[in-house]
């Protein structure tokens, strides 16, 4: 099952790669959103098409920065 990712997880991943990065993000998931947390479940696409995500936050940020 997918899971929600908080802003601070992205900030931490970026700072592991770029320690002096100046990043300011509000706490939480989506401060302007509905207040609800949606978790996406990739089970159906995995079952139907064999899709399996290759990137977590750490790997995605590292790849993007590279």
PDB file of N, CA and C in Angstrom:
ATOM      1  N   UNK A   1       0.842  -1.179   0.000  1.00  0.00           N
ATOM      2  CA  UNK A   1       0.000   0.000   0.000  1.00  0.00           C
ATOM      3  C   UNK A   1       0.885   1.240   0.000  1.00  0.00           C
ATOM      4  N   UNK A   2       0.474   2.250  -0.715  1.00  0.00           N
ATOM      5  CA  UNK A   2       1.194   3.512  -0.718  1.00  0.00           C
ATOM      6  C   UNK A   2       1.068   4.204   0.629  1.00  0.00           C
ATOM      7  N   UNK A   3       1.857   5.230   0.805  1.00  0.00           N
ATOM      8  CA  UNK A   3       1.745   5.978   2.042  1.00  0.00           C
ATOM      9  C   UNK A   3       1.958   7.442   1.752  1.00  0.00           C
ATOM     10  N   UNK A   4       1.357   8.270   2.574  1.00  0.00           N
ATOM     11  CA  UNK A   4       1.510   9.710   2.418  1.00  0.00           C
ATOM     12  C   UNK A   4       2.917  10.115   2.827  1.00  0.00           C
ATOM     13  N   UNK A   5       3.451  11.111   2.155  1.00  0.00           N
ATOM     14  CA  UNK A   5       4.791  11.605   2.445  1.00  0.00           C
ATOM     15  C   UNK A   5       4.702  13.048   2.906  1.00  0.00           C
ATOM     16  N   UNK A   6       5.242  13.319   4.066  1.00  0.00           N
ATOM     17  CA  UNK A   6       5.195  14.669   4.616  1.00  0.00           C
ATOM     18  C   UNK A   6       6.288  15.540   4.017  1.00  0.00           C
ATOM     19  N   UNK A   7       6.030  16.838   4.005  1.00  0.00           N
ATOM     20  CA  UNK A   7       7.011  17.796   3.483  1.00  0.00           C
ATOM     21  C   UNK A   7       8.370  17.610   4.135  1.00  0.00           C
ATOM     22  N   UNK A   8       8.398  17.365   5.446  1.00  0.00           N
ATOM     23  CA  UNK A   8       9.688  17.260   6.143  1.00  0.00           C
ATOM     24  C   UNK A   8      10.513  16.070   5.652  1.00  0.00           C
ATOM     25  N   UNK A   9       9.854  15.031   5.112  1.00  0.00           N
ATOM     26  CA  UNK A   9      10.591  13.896   4.554  1.00  0.00           C
ATOM     27  C   UNK A   9      11.319  14.306   3.279  1.00  0.00           C
ATOM     28  N   UNK A  10      10.677  15.137   2.466  1.00  0.00           N
ATOM     29  CA  UNK A  10      11.345  15.644   1.264  1.00  0.00           C
ATOM     30  C   UNK A  10      12.500  16.566   1.630  1.00  0.00           C
ATOM     31  N   UNK A  11      12.270  17.448   2.599  1.00  0.00           N
ATOM     32  CA  UNK A  11      13.325  18.367   3.041  1.00  0.00           C
ATOM     33  C   UNK A  11      14.524  17.576   3.561  1.00  0.00           C
ATOM     34  N   UNK A  12      14.279  16.569   4.383  1.00  0.00           N
ATOM     35  CA  UNK A  12      15.370  15.755   4.936  1.00  0.00           C
ATOM     36  C   UNK A  12      16.143  15.048   3.829  1.00  0.00           C
ATOM     37  N   UNK A  13      15.433  14.510   2.838  1.00  0.00           N
ATOM     38  CA  UNK A  13      16.099  13.813   1.727  1.00  0.00           C
ATOM     39  C   UNK A  13      16.955  14.781   0.922  1.00  0.00           C
ATOM     40  N   UNK A  14      16.448  15.975   0.676  1.00  0.00           N
ATOM     41  CA  UNK A  14      17.215  16.976  -0.066  1.00  0.00           C
ATOM     42  C   UNK A  14      18.447  17.388   0.720  1.00  0.00           C
ATOM     43  N   UNK A  15      18.297  17.601   2.014  1.00  0.00           N
ATOM     44  CA  UNK A  15      19.426  18.049   2.833  1.00  0.00           C
ATOM     45  C   UNK A  15      20.496  16.964   3.002  1.00  0.00           C
ATOM     46  N   UNK A  16      20.138  15.710   2.839  1.00  0.00           N
ATOM     47  CA  UNK A  16      21.156  14.662   2.880  1.00  0.00           C
ATOM     48  C   UNK A  16      22.058  14.753   1.647  1.00  0.00           C
ATOM     49  N   UNK A  17      21.508  15.246   0.549  1.00  0.00           N
ATOM     50  CA  UNK A  17      22.272  15.374  -0.685  1.00  0.00           C
ATOM     51  C   UNK A  17      22.909  16.759  -0.800  1.00  0.00           C
ATOM     52  N   UNK A  18      22.159  17.779  -0.380  1.00  0.00           N
ATOM     53  CA  UNK A  18      22.628  19.164  -0.433  1.00  0.00           C
ATOM     54  C   UNK A  18      22.485  19.744   0.982  1.00  0.00           C
ATOM     55  N   UNK A  19      23.470  19.502   1.847  1.00  0.00           N
ATOM     56  CA  UNK A  19      23.347  19.877   3.261  1.00  0.00           C
ATOM     57  C   UNK A  19      23.041  21.354   3.518  1.00  0.00           C
ATOM     58  N   UNK A  20      23.498  22.240   2.666  1.00  0.00           N
ATOM     59  CA  UNK A  20      23.268  23.664   2.922  1.00  0.00           C
ATOM     60  C   UNK A  20      22.058  24.205   2.153  1.00  0.00           C
ATOM     61  N   UNK A  21      21.207  23.328   1.659  1.00  0.00           N
ATOM     62  CA  UNK A  21      20.009  23.761   0.924  1.00  0.00           C
ATOM     63  C   UNK A  21      19.113  24.591   1.833  1.00  0.00           C
ATOM     64  N   UNK A  22      18.665  25.716   1.327  1.00  0.00           N
ATOM     65  CA  UNK A  22      17.752  26.579   2.073  1.00  0.00           C
ATOM     66  C   UNK A  22      16.336  26.273   1.602  1.00  0.00           C
ATOM     67  N   UNK A  23      15.617  25.535   2.411  1.00  0.00           N
ATOM     68  CA  UNK A  23      14.281  25.080   2.045  1.00  0.00           C
ATOM     69  C   UNK A  23      13.312  25.437   3.157  1.00  0.00           C
ATOM     70  N   UNK A  24      12.210  26.033   2.787  1.00  0.00           N
ATOM     71  CA  UNK A  24      11.151  26.315   3.744  1.00  0.00           C
ATOM     72  C   UNK A  24       9.849  25.757   3.190  1.00  0.00           C
ATOM     73  N   UNK A  25       9.347  24.739   3.822  1.00  0.00           N
ATOM     74  CA  UNK A  25       8.060  24.164   3.456  1.00  0.00           C
ATOM     75  C   UNK A  25       7.190  24.113   4.701  1.00  0.00           C
ATOM     76  N   UNK A  26       5.906  24.352   4.572  1.00  0.00           N
ATOM     77  CA  UNK A  26       5.027  24.237   5.730  1.00  0.00           C
ATOM     78  C   UNK A  26       4.945  22.792   6.201  1.00  0.00           C
ATOM     79  N   UNK A  27       4.644  22.594   7.462  1.00  0.00           N
ATOM     80  CA  UNK A  27       4.503  21.252   8.029  1.00  0.00           C
ATOM     81  C   UNK A  27       3.298  20.545   7.431  1.00  0.00           C
ATOM     82  N   UNK A  28       3.290  19.260   7.579  1.00  0.00           N
ATOM     83  CA  UNK A  28       2.142  18.469   7.169  1.00  0.00           C
ATOM     84  C   UNK A  28       2.256  17.938   5.765  1.00  0.00           C
ATOM     85  N   UNK A  29       1.107  17.650   5.169  1.00  0.00           N
ATOM     86  CA  UNK A  29       1.053  17.082   3.832  1.00  0.00           C
ATOM     87  C   UNK A  29       0.705  18.163   2.813  1.00  0.00           C
ATOM     88  N   UNK A  30      -0.412  18.818   3.005  1.00  0.00           N
ATOM     89  CA  UNK A  30      -0.878  19.845   2.086  1.00  0.00           C
ATOM     90  C   UNK A  30      -1.604  20.900   2.910  1.00  0.00           C
ATOM     91  N   UNK A  31      -0.878  21.920   3.347  1.00  0.00           N
ATOM     92  CA  UNK A  31      -1.463  22.918   4.237  1.00  0.00           C
ATOM     93  C   UNK A  31      -2.663  23.652   3.653  1.00  0.00           C
ATOM     94  N   UNK A  32      -2.805  23.688   2.349  1.00  0.00           N
ATOM     95  CA  UNK A  32      -3.949  24.365   1.726  1.00  0.00           C
ATOM     96  C   UNK A  32      -5.020  23.374   1.306  1.00  0.00           C
ATOM     97  N   UNK A  33      -4.786  22.117   1.611  1.00  0.00           N
ATOM     98  CA  UNK A  33      -5.711  21.074   1.191  1.00  0.00           C
ATOM     99  C   UNK A  33      -6.893  20.919   2.122  1.00  0.00           C
ATOM    100  N   UNK A  34      -7.567  19.829   1.961  1.00  0.00           N
ATOM    101  CA  UNK A  34      -8.808  19.559   2.690  1.00  0.00           C
ATOM    102  C   UNK A  34      -8.579  19.149   4.143  1.00  0.00           C
ATOM    103  N   UNK A  35      -7.320  18.880   4.511  1.00  0.00           N
ATOM    104  CA  UNK A  35      -7.044  18.385   5.858  1.00  0.00           C
ATOM    105  C   UNK A  35      -7.089  16.871   5.928  1.00  0.00           C
ATOM    106  N   UNK A  36      -7.509  16.248   4.845  1.00  0.00           N
ATOM    107  CA  UNK A  36      -7.551  14.796   4.789  1.00  0.00           C
ATOM    108  C   UNK A  36      -6.257  14.285   4.185  1.00  0.00           C
ATOM    109  N   UNK A  37      -5.846  13.114   4.606  1.00  0.00           N
ATOM    110  CA  UNK A  37      -4.653  12.475   4.060  1.00  0.00           C
ATOM    111  C   UNK A  37      -5.106  11.339   3.156  1.00  0.00           C
ATOM    112  N   UNK A  38      -4.646  11.375   1.920  1.00  0.00           N
ATOM    113  CA  UNK A  38      -4.985  10.327   0.974  1.00  0.00           C
ATOM    114  C   UNK A  38      -3.763   9.446   0.762  1.00  0.00           C
ATOM    115  N   UNK A  39      -3.926   8.177   0.922  1.00  0.00           N
ATOM    116  CA  UNK A  39      -2.852   7.235   0.653  1.00  0.00           C
ATOM    117  C   UNK A  39      -3.214   6.470  -0.602  1.00  0.00           C
ATOM    118  N   UNK A  40      -2.306   6.483  -1.545  1.00  0.00           N
ATOM    119  CA  UNK A  40      -2.557   5.802  -2.806  1.00  0.00           C
ATOM    120  C   UNK A  40      -2.077   4.359  -2.713  1.00  0.00           C
ATOM    121  N   UNK A  41      -2.908   3.463  -3.165  1.00  0.00           N
ATOM    122  CA  UNK A  41      -2.600   2.041  -3.118  1.00  0.00           C
ATOM    123  C   UNK A  41      -2.321   1.540  -4.525  1.00  0.00           C
ATOM    124  N   UNK A  42      -1.071   1.173  -4.810  1.00  0.00           N
ATOM    125  CA  UNK A  42      -0.731   0.723  -6.160  1.00  0.00           C
ATOM    126  C   UNK A  42      -1.086  -0.745  -6.433  1.00  0.00           C
ATOM    127  N   UNK A  43      -1.848  -1.382  -5.555  1.00  0.00           N
ATOM    128  CA  UNK A  43      -2.137  -2.810  -5.702  1.00  0.00           C
ATOM    129  C   UNK A  43      -2.834  -3.138  -7.014  1.00  0.00           C
ATOM    130  N   UNK A  44      -3.818  -2.328  -7.403  1.00  0.00           N
ATOM    131  CA  UNK A  44      -4.566  -2.671  -8.617  1.00  0.00           C
ATOM    132  C   UNK A  44      -3.694  -2.576  -9.861  1.00  0.00           C
ATOM    133  N   UNK A  45      -2.915  -1.527  -9.986  1.00  0.00           N
ATOM    134  CA  UNK A  45      -2.067  -1.410 -11.175  1.00  0.00           C
ATOM    135  C   UNK A  45      -0.977  -2.486 -11.159  1.00  0.00           C
ATOM    136  N   UNK A  46      -0.539  -2.880  -9.970  1.00  0.00           N
ATOM    137  CA  UNK A  46       0.441  -3.969  -9.871  1.00  0.00           C
ATOM    138  C   UNK A  46      -0.192  -5.267 -10.371  1.00  0.00           C
ATOM    139  N   UNK A  47      -1.439  -5.522  -9.934  1.00  0.00           N
ATOM    140  CA  UNK A  47      -2.134  -6.741 -10.347  1.00  0.00           C
ATOM    141  C   UNK A  47      -2.482  -6.723 -11.835  1.00  0.00           C
ATOM    142  N   UNK A  48      -2.969  -5.578 -12.332  1.00  0.00           N
ATOM    143  CA  UNK A  48      -3.412  -5.484 -13.721  1.00  0.00           C
ATOM    144  C   UNK A  48      -2.261  -5.395 -14.719  1.00  0.00           C
ATOM    145  N   UNK A  49      -1.220  -4.645 -14.372  1.00  0.00           N
ATOM    146  CA  UNK A  49      -0.175  -4.359 -15.349  1.00  0.00           C
ATOM    147  C   UNK A  49       1.228  -4.743 -14.898  1.00  0.00           C
ATOM    148  N   UNK A  50       1.350  -5.266 -13.683  1.00  0.00           N
ATOM    149  CA  UNK A  50       2.664  -5.643 -13.187  1.00  0.00           C
ATOM    150  C   UNK A  50       3.532  -4.468 -12.758  1.00  0.00           C
ATOM    151  N   UNK A  51       2.914  -3.289 -12.607  1.00  0.00           N
ATOM    152  CA  UNK A  51       3.675  -2.089 -12.232  1.00  0.00           C
ATOM    153  C   UNK A  51       4.164  -2.193 -10.793  1.00  0.00           C
ATOM    154  N   UNK A  52       5.411  -1.834 -10.585  1.00  0.00           N
ATOM    155  CA  UNK A  52       5.993  -1.772  -9.234  1.00  0.00           C
ATOM    156  C   UNK A  52       6.813  -0.488  -9.161  1.00  0.00           C
ATOM    157  N   UNK A  53       6.488   0.416  -8.237  1.00  0.00           N
ATOM    158  CA  UNK A  53       7.265   1.654  -8.129  1.00  0.00           C
ATOM    159  C   UNK A  53       8.739   1.355  -7.879  1.00  0.00           C
ATOM    160  N   UNK A  54       9.619   2.102  -8.541  1.00  0.00           N
ATOM    161  CA  UNK A  54      11.052   1.916  -8.392  1.00  0.00           C
ATOM    162  C   UNK A  54      11.679   2.936  -7.446  1.00  0.00           C
ATOM    163  N   UNK A  55      10.978   4.025  -7.200  1.00  0.00           N
ATOM    164  CA  UNK A  55      11.555   5.120  -6.433  1.00  0.00           C
ATOM    165  C   UNK A  55      10.802   5.363  -5.131  1.00  0.00           C
ATOM    166  N   UNK A  56      11.567   5.531  -4.051  1.00  0.00           N
ATOM    167  CA  UNK A  56      11.010   6.067  -2.823  1.00  0.00           C
ATOM    168  C   UNK A  56      11.472   7.522  -2.764  1.00  0.00           C
ATOM    169  N   UNK A  57      11.175   8.238  -1.695  1.00  0.00           N
ATOM    170  CA  UNK A  57      11.550   9.654  -1.606  1.00  0.00           C
ATOM    171  C   UNK A  57      13.049   9.840  -1.755  1.00  0.00           C
ATOM    172  N   UNK A  58      13.840   9.063  -1.027  1.00  0.00           N
ATOM    173  CA  UNK A  58      15.305   9.198  -1.062  1.00  0.00           C
ATOM    174  C   UNK A  58      15.840   9.021  -2.487  1.00  0.00           C
ATOM    175  N   UNK A  59      15.454   7.943  -3.120  1.00  0.00           N
ATOM    176  CA  UNK A  59      15.972   7.652  -4.457  1.00  0.00           C
ATOM    177  C   UNK A  59      15.462   8.668  -5.480  1.00  0.00           C
ATOM    178  N   UNK A  60      14.209   9.069  -5.362  1.00  0.00           N
ATOM    179  CA  UNK A  60      13.646  10.037  -6.288  1.00  0.00           C
ATOM    180  C   UNK A  60      14.349  11.373  -6.209  1.00  0.00           C
ATOM    181  N   UNK A  61      14.609  11.860  -4.992  1.00  0.00           N
ATOM    182  CA  UNK A  61      15.304  13.131  -4.816  1.00  0.00           C
ATOM    183  C   UNK A  61      16.730  13.022  -5.339  1.00  0.00           C
ATOM    184  N   UNK A  62      17.417  11.944  -5.015  1.00  0.00           N
ATOM    185  CA  UNK A  62      18.797  11.762  -5.466  1.00  0.00           C
ATOM    186  C   UNK A  62      18.872  11.746  -6.989  1.00  0.00           C
ATOM    187  N   UNK A  63      17.938  11.041  -7.629  1.00  0.00           N
ATOM    188  CA  UNK A  63      17.929  10.974  -9.081  1.00  0.00           C
ATOM    189  C   UNK A  63      17.627  12.343  -9.693  1.00  0.00           C
ATOM    190  N   UNK A  64      16.676  13.049  -9.113  1.00  0.00           N
ATOM    191  CA  UNK A  64      16.309  14.369  -9.626  1.00  0.00           C
ATOM    192  C   UNK A  64      17.486  15.349  -9.496  1.00  0.00           C
ATOM    193  N   UNK A  65      18.148  15.340  -8.354  1.00  0.00           N
ATOM    194  CA  UNK A  65      19.283  16.249  -8.135  1.00  0.00           C
ATOM    195  C   UNK A  65      20.419  15.919  -9.098  1.00  0.00           C
ATOM    196  N   UNK A  66      20.649  14.617  -9.321  1.00  0.00           N
ATOM    197  CA  UNK A  66      21.725  14.206 -10.234  1.00  0.00           C
ATOM    198  C   UNK A  66      21.419  14.664 -11.634  1.00  0.00           C
TER     199      UNK A  66
END
